[in-house]
Amino acid sequence: MKITQSTIQQLVITDVKSLDPVKVMIENIQPGVGNITITCFGKSWTSYWGAMSDQTIQEFFVDCNDSYLINCLDRGIRSMIDGEDNEANIQFVKAEICRQRRERDIERLEAREWWDEAEDAVDIKDLVCSWHSNSTLCKLFGDEPWHANWPSVPNPDYEYLERIVQVVREAIKQTLAVPA
């Protein structure tokens, strides 16, 4: 049986405007190897790094940019997500109809039919992207309309984690500046 001991540093960050207390658990397992766990308002994010040169987690975290750290803490999270604004989606579809008409990919009557259908759509994205839709608009973006560049909005979950990462980075900087 092999038993290894490591040192864990815990930070509790409070009194941050519009943010609940943030708890940070930092474990430096050996030089260049460690993990961090961040919790705030019942949610937690954790990441392990096994190759940080000879840096501590604290030094590594301070040196990394927000998007890298956010992706490590919450794999696959996107900074932008598809918007749910039907009007913006209708304008997007209309712009594509105009583009295809200008390039003579579609005829005038087909463009008029698609335009009218788009204007009356309650949920244009579902109408265009749904495999069971009978809409002629399904042809507008080809075989995979969900991959079109639909209007997007900032992801609030990403922005929330970004604020937390920035607060944690600042707290770590402050602890690194304080002599032990």
C-alpha atoms as a PDB file:
ATOM      1  CA  MET A   1       0.000   0.000   0.000  1.00  0.00           C
ATOM      2  CA  LYS A   2       1.326   3.426  -0.984  1.00  0.00           C
ATOM      3  CA  ILE A   3       0.098   6.496   0.860  1.00  0.00           C
ATOM      4  CA  THR A   4       0.844   9.978  -0.376  1.00  0.00           C
ATOM      5  CA  GLN A   5       0.144  13.158   1.519  1.00  0.00           C
ATOM      6  CA  SER A   6      -0.466  16.476  -0.135  1.00  0.00           C
ATOM      7  CA  THR A   7      -1.109  19.977   1.057  1.00  0.00           C
ATOM      8  CA  ILE A   8      -4.457  21.562   0.345  1.00  0.00           C
ATOM      9  CA  GLN A   9      -5.036  25.280   0.507  1.00  0.00           C
ATOM     10  CA  GLN A  10      -8.574  26.532   0.950  1.00  0.00           C
ATOM     11  CA  LEU A  11      -9.643  30.048   0.068  1.00  0.00           C
ATOM     12  CA  VAL A  12     -13.053  31.475   0.897  1.00  0.00           C
ATOM     13  CA  ILE A  13     -13.809  34.600  -1.080  1.00  0.00           C
ATOM     14  CA  THR A  14     -16.624  36.816   0.190  1.00  0.00           C
ATOM     15  CA  ASP A  15     -17.867  40.382  -0.186  1.00  0.00           C
ATOM     16  CA  VAL A  16     -17.759  40.340  -3.974  1.00  0.00           C
ATOM     17  CA  LYS A  17     -20.509  42.436  -5.536  1.00  0.00           C
ATOM     18  CA  SER A  18     -23.339  40.300  -6.995  1.00  0.00           C
ATOM     19  CA  LEU A  19     -21.558  37.036  -6.245  1.00  0.00           C
ATOM     20  CA  ASP A  20     -22.170  34.479  -3.528  1.00  0.00           C
ATOM     21  CA  PRO A  21     -19.210  33.265  -1.456  1.00  0.00           C
ATOM     22  CA  VAL A  22     -16.681  31.335  -3.524  1.00  0.00           C
ATOM     23  CA  LYS A  23     -14.746  28.441  -1.988  1.00  0.00           C
ATOM     24  CA  VAL A  24     -11.515  27.344  -3.653  1.00  0.00           C
ATOM     25  CA  MET A  25      -9.679  24.121  -2.812  1.00  0.00           C
ATOM     26  CA  ILE A  26      -6.152  24.022  -4.238  1.00  0.00           C
ATOM     27  CA  GLU A  27      -4.094  20.840  -4.080  1.00  0.00           C
ATOM     28  CA  ASN A  28      -0.478  20.774  -5.159  1.00  0.00           C
ATOM     29  CA  ILE A  29       0.279  17.060  -5.402  1.00  0.00           C
ATOM     30  CA  GLN A  30       3.879  17.510  -6.542  1.00  0.00           C
ATOM     31  CA  PRO A  31       5.729  20.155  -8.551  1.00  0.00           C
ATOM     32  CA  GLY A  32       3.810  20.670 -11.780  1.00  0.00           C
ATOM     33  CA  VAL A  33       0.893  18.438 -10.746  1.00  0.00           C
ATOM     34  CA  GLY A  34      -2.267  19.426  -8.955  1.00  0.00           C
ATOM     35  CA  ASN A  35      -5.928  20.248  -9.069  1.00  0.00           C
ATOM     36  CA  ILE A  36      -8.375  22.958  -8.160  1.00  0.00           C
ATOM     37  CA  THR A  37     -12.025  22.805  -7.127  1.00  0.00           C
ATOM     38  CA  ILE A  38     -14.179  25.916  -7.090  1.00  0.00           C
ATOM     39  CA  THR A  39     -17.656  26.050  -5.578  1.00  0.00           C
ATOM     40  CA  CYS A  40     -20.203  28.857  -5.601  1.00  0.00           C
ATOM     41  CA  PHE A  41     -23.934  28.799  -4.896  1.00  0.00           C
ATOM     42  CA  GLY A  42     -24.262  25.024  -4.985  1.00  0.00           C
ATOM     43  CA  LYS A  43     -22.317  24.568  -8.229  1.00  0.00           C
ATOM     44  CA  SER A  44     -18.788  23.260  -8.446  1.00  0.00           C
ATOM     45  CA  TRP A  45     -16.074  23.058 -11.078  1.00  0.00           C
ATOM     46  CA  THR A  46     -12.890  21.078 -10.865  1.00  0.00           C
ATOM     47  CA  SER A  47      -9.834  20.488 -12.995  1.00  0.00           C
ATOM     48  CA  TYR A  48      -6.614  18.506 -12.767  1.00  0.00           C
ATOM     49  CA  TRP A  49      -3.350  19.408 -14.436  1.00  0.00           C
ATOM     50  CA  GLY A  50      -0.534  16.900 -14.638  1.00  0.00           C
ATOM     51  CA  ALA A  51       1.987  18.918 -16.630  1.00  0.00           C
ATOM     52  CA  MET A  52       2.484  22.508 -15.488  1.00  0.00           C
ATOM     53  CA  SER A  53       6.297  22.553 -15.704  1.00  0.00           C
ATOM     54  CA  ASP A  54       7.352  23.097 -12.110  1.00  0.00           C
ATOM     55  CA  GLN A  55       4.584  25.588 -11.346  1.00  0.00           C
ATOM     56  CA  THR A  56       2.131  25.340  -8.501  1.00  0.00           C
ATOM     57  CA  ILE A  57      -1.577  25.396  -9.241  1.00  0.00           C
ATOM     58  CA  GLN A  58      -1.624  28.973  -7.958  1.00  0.00           C
ATOM     59  CA  GLU A  59       1.114  30.137 -10.348  1.00  0.00           C
ATOM     60  CA  PHE A  60      -0.404  28.207 -13.248  1.00  0.00           C
ATOM     61  CA  PHE A  61      -3.926  29.544 -12.635  1.00  0.00           C
ATOM     62  CA  VAL A  62      -2.701  33.141 -12.518  1.00  0.00           C
ATOM     63  CA  ASP A  63      -0.755  32.696 -15.788  1.00  0.00           C
ATOM     64  CA  CYS A  64      -3.605  31.142 -17.826  1.00  0.00           C
ATOM     65  CA  ASN A  65      -6.265  33.070 -19.730  1.00  0.00           C
ATOM     66  CA  ASP A  66      -9.945  32.962 -18.860  1.00  0.00           C
ATOM     67  CA  SER A  67     -11.156  30.930 -21.847  1.00  0.00           C
ATOM     68  CA  TYR A  68      -8.589  28.164 -21.259  1.00  0.00           C
ATOM     69  CA  LEU A  69      -9.427  27.883 -17.560  1.00  0.00           C
ATOM     70  CA  ILE A  70     -13.174  27.997 -18.187  1.00  0.00           C
ATOM     71  CA  ASN A  71     -12.905  25.184 -20.733  1.00  0.00           C
ATOM     72  CA  CYS A  72     -10.827  23.102 -18.306  1.00  0.00           C
ATOM     73  CA  LEU A  73     -13.332  23.652 -15.496  1.00  0.00           C
ATOM     74  CA  ASP A  74     -16.438  23.097 -17.634  1.00  0.00           C
ATOM     75  CA  ARG A  75     -15.543  21.080 -20.745  1.00  0.00           C
ATOM     76  CA  GLY A  76     -17.363  22.117 -23.875  1.00  0.00           C
ATOM     77  CA  ILE A  77     -19.038  25.231 -22.498  1.00  0.00           C
ATOM     78  CA  ARG A  78     -19.455  27.839 -25.221  1.00  0.00           C
ATOM     79  CA  SER A  79     -19.181  31.590 -24.786  1.00  0.00           C
ATOM     80  CA  MET A  80     -22.047  32.119 -27.236  1.00  0.00           C
ATOM     81  CA  ILE A  81     -25.253  30.123 -27.599  1.00  0.00           C
ATOM     82  CA  ASP A  82     -28.042  30.126 -30.145  1.00  0.00           C
ATOM     83  CA  GLY A  83     -30.476  32.927 -29.524  1.00  0.00           C
ATOM     84  CA  GLU A  84     -34.127  32.176 -28.917  1.00  0.00           C
ATOM     85  CA  ASP A  85     -35.274  35.479 -30.435  1.00  0.00           C
ATOM     86  CA  ASN A  86     -37.698  34.452 -33.185  1.00  0.00           C
ATOM     87  CA  GLU A  87     -37.587  37.907 -34.801  1.00  0.00           C
ATOM     88  CA  ALA A  88     -33.777  37.780 -35.093  1.00  0.00           C
ATOM     89  CA  ASN A  89     -34.041  34.266 -36.527  1.00  0.00           C
ATOM     90  CA  ILE A  90     -36.662  35.418 -39.054  1.00  0.00           C
ATOM     91  CA  GLN A  91     -34.356  38.247 -40.156  1.00  0.00           C
ATOM     92  CA  PHE A  92     -31.520  35.708 -40.505  1.00  0.00           C
ATOM     93  CA  VAL A  93     -33.702  33.466 -42.716  1.00  0.00           C
ATOM     94  CA  LYS A  94     -34.833  36.446 -44.805  1.00  0.00           C
ATOM     95  CA  ALA A  95     -31.227  37.530 -45.320  1.00  0.00           C
ATOM     96  CA  GLU A  96     -30.389  34.024 -46.561  1.00  0.00           C
ATOM     97  CA  ILE A  97     -33.368  34.082 -48.932  1.00  0.00           C
ATOM     98  CA  CYS A  98     -32.114  37.420 -50.326  1.00  0.00           C
ATOM     99  CA  ARG A  99     -28.560  36.087 -50.671  1.00  0.00           C
ATOM    100  CA  GLN A 100     -29.703  33.000 -52.546  1.00  0.00           C
ATOM    101  CA  ARG A 101     -31.963  35.075 -54.776  1.00  0.00           C
ATOM    102  CA  ARG A 102     -29.147  37.536 -55.593  1.00  0.00           C
ATOM    103  CA  GLU A 103     -26.882  34.632 -56.505  1.00  0.00           C
ATOM    104  CA  ARG A 104     -29.730  33.177 -58.580  1.00  0.00           C
ATOM    105  CA  ASP A 105     -29.751  29.942 -56.569  1.00  0.00           C
ATOM    106  CA  ILE A 106     -33.530  30.214 -56.232  1.00  0.00           C
ATOM    107  CA  GLU A 107     -36.250  31.590 -58.492  1.00  0.00           C
ATOM    108  CA  ARG A 108     -38.308  34.677 -57.719  1.00  0.00           C
ATOM    109  CA  LEU A 109     -41.510  32.754 -56.969  1.00  0.00           C
ATOM    110  CA  GLU A 110     -39.743  30.321 -54.639  1.00  0.00           C
ATOM    111  CA  ALA A 111     -38.106  33.255 -52.832  1.00  0.00           C
ATOM    112  CA  ARG A 112     -41.508  34.947 -52.430  1.00  0.00           C
ATOM    113  CA  GLU A 113     -43.044  31.728 -51.066  1.00  0.00           C
ATOM    114  CA  TRP A 114     -40.205  31.265 -48.546  1.00  0.00           C
ATOM    115  CA  TRP A 115     -40.346  34.944 -47.546  1.00  0.00           C
ATOM    116  CA  ASP A 116     -44.075  34.780 -46.821  1.00  0.00           C
ATOM    117  CA  GLU A 117     -43.682  31.546 -44.881  1.00  0.00           C
ATOM    118  CA  ALA A 118     -40.851  33.043 -42.830  1.00  0.00           C
ATOM    119  CA  GLU A 119     -42.871  36.150 -41.957  1.00  0.00           C
ATOM    120  CA  ASP A 120     -45.725  34.035 -40.574  1.00  0.00           C
ATOM    121  CA  ALA A 121     -43.543  31.603 -38.587  1.00  0.00           C
ATOM    122  CA  VAL A 122     -44.154  31.273 -34.866  1.00  0.00           C
ATOM    123  CA  ASP A 123     -40.836  29.419 -34.368  1.00  0.00           C
ATOM    124  CA  ILE A 124     -38.817  29.804 -37.548  1.00  0.00           C
ATOM    125  CA  LYS A 125     -35.831  27.824 -36.317  1.00  0.00           C
ATOM    126  CA  ASP A 126     -37.956  24.797 -35.494  1.00  0.00           C
ATOM    127  CA  LEU A 127     -39.712  25.148 -38.836  1.00  0.00           C
ATOM    128  CA  VAL A 128     -36.395  25.154 -40.731  1.00  0.00           C
ATOM    129  CA  CYS A 129     -34.453  22.636 -38.632  1.00  0.00           C
ATOM    130  CA  SER A 130     -37.051  20.070 -37.617  1.00  0.00           C
ATOM    131  CA  TRP A 131     -36.736  16.782 -39.514  1.00  0.00           C
ATOM    132  CA  HIS A 132     -40.506  16.294 -39.412  1.00  0.00           C
ATOM    133  CA  SER A 133     -41.348  19.746 -40.768  1.00  0.00           C
ATOM    134  CA  ASN A 134     -43.229  19.895 -44.049  1.00  0.00           C
ATOM    135  CA  SER A 135     -42.007  23.419 -44.699  1.00  0.00           C
ATOM    136  CA  THR A 136     -40.339  24.226 -48.000  1.00  0.00           C
ATOM    137  CA  LEU A 137     -37.943  26.384 -45.924  1.00  0.00           C
ATOM    138  CA  CYS A 138     -36.177  23.144 -44.926  1.00  0.00           C
ATOM    139  CA  LYS A 139     -34.306  23.361 -48.257  1.00  0.00           C
ATOM    140  CA  LEU A 140     -32.942  26.828 -47.492  1.00  0.00           C
ATOM    141  CA  PHE A 141     -29.828  25.764 -45.538  1.00  0.00           C
ATOM    142  CA  GLY A 142     -29.225  22.339 -47.052  1.00  0.00           C
ATOM    143  CA  ASP A 143     -29.095  18.997 -45.263  1.00  0.00           C
ATOM    144  CA  GLU A 144     -27.930  20.314 -41.875  1.00  0.00           C
ATOM    145  CA  PRO A 145     -29.715  23.606 -41.209  1.00  0.00           C
ATOM    146  CA  TRP A 146     -28.900  23.524 -37.486  1.00  0.00           C
ATOM    147  CA  HIS A 147     -25.247  24.146 -38.453  1.00  0.00           C
ATOM    148  CA  ALA A 148     -26.091  27.459 -40.137  1.00  0.00           C
ATOM    149  CA  ASN A 149     -24.717  30.551 -38.470  1.00  0.00           C
ATOM    150  CA  TRP A 150     -27.929  31.313 -36.540  1.00  0.00           C
ATOM    151  CA  PRO A 151     -27.987  34.495 -34.439  1.00  0.00           C
ATOM    152  CA  SER A 152     -26.322  33.921 -31.100  1.00  0.00           C
ATOM    153  CA  VAL A 153     -26.225  35.575 -27.699  1.00  0.00           C
ATOM    154  CA  PRO A 154     -23.715  35.478 -24.843  1.00  0.00           C
ATOM    155  CA  ASN A 155     -24.010  32.343 -22.706  1.00  0.00           C
ATOM    156  CA  PRO A 156     -24.946  33.426 -19.156  1.00  0.00           C
ATOM    157  CA  ASP A 157     -23.404  30.251 -17.674  1.00  0.00           C
ATOM    158  CA  TYR A 158     -20.105  31.052 -19.386  1.00  0.00           C
ATOM    159  CA  GLU A 159     -20.227  34.673 -18.217  1.00  0.00           C
ATOM    160  CA  TYR A 160     -20.968  33.537 -14.650  1.00  0.00           C
ATOM    161  CA  LEU A 161     -18.021  31.135 -14.600  1.00  0.00           C
ATOM    162  CA  GLU A 162     -15.819  33.803 -16.193  1.00  0.00           C
ATOM    163  CA  ARG A 163     -16.614  36.196 -13.322  1.00  0.00           C
ATOM    164  CA  ILE A 164     -15.794  33.470 -10.814  1.00  0.00           C
ATOM    165  CA  VAL A 165     -12.487  32.599 -12.541  1.00  0.00           C
ATOM    166  CA  GLN A 166     -11.497  36.270 -12.512  1.00  0.00           C
ATOM    167  CA  VAL A 167     -12.339  36.602  -8.813  1.00  0.00           C
ATOM    168  CA  VAL A 168     -10.402  33.422  -7.995  1.00  0.00           C
ATOM    169  CA  ARG A 169      -7.400  34.629 -10.011  1.00  0.00           C
ATOM    170  CA  GLU A 170      -7.404  37.938  -8.148  1.00  0.00           C
ATOM    171  CA  ALA A 171      -7.671  36.169  -4.773  1.00  0.00           C
ATOM    172  CA  ILE A 172      -4.776  33.855  -5.663  1.00  0.00           C
ATOM    173  CA  LYS A 173      -2.677  36.851  -6.744  1.00  0.00           C
ATOM    174  CA  GLN A 174      -3.331  38.441  -3.384  1.00  0.00           C
ATOM    175  CA  THR A 175      -2.311  35.298  -1.496  1.00  0.00           C
ATOM    176  CA  LEU A 176       0.859  34.977  -3.602  1.00  0.00           C
ATOM    177  CA  ALA A 177       1.772  38.574  -2.785  1.00  0.00           C
ATOM    178  CA  VAL A 178       1.443  37.994   0.975  1.00  0.00           C
ATOM    179  CA  PRO A 179       4.665  36.612   2.489  1.00  0.00           C
ATOM    180  CA  ALA A 180       4.142  33.379   4.417  1.00  0.00           C
END
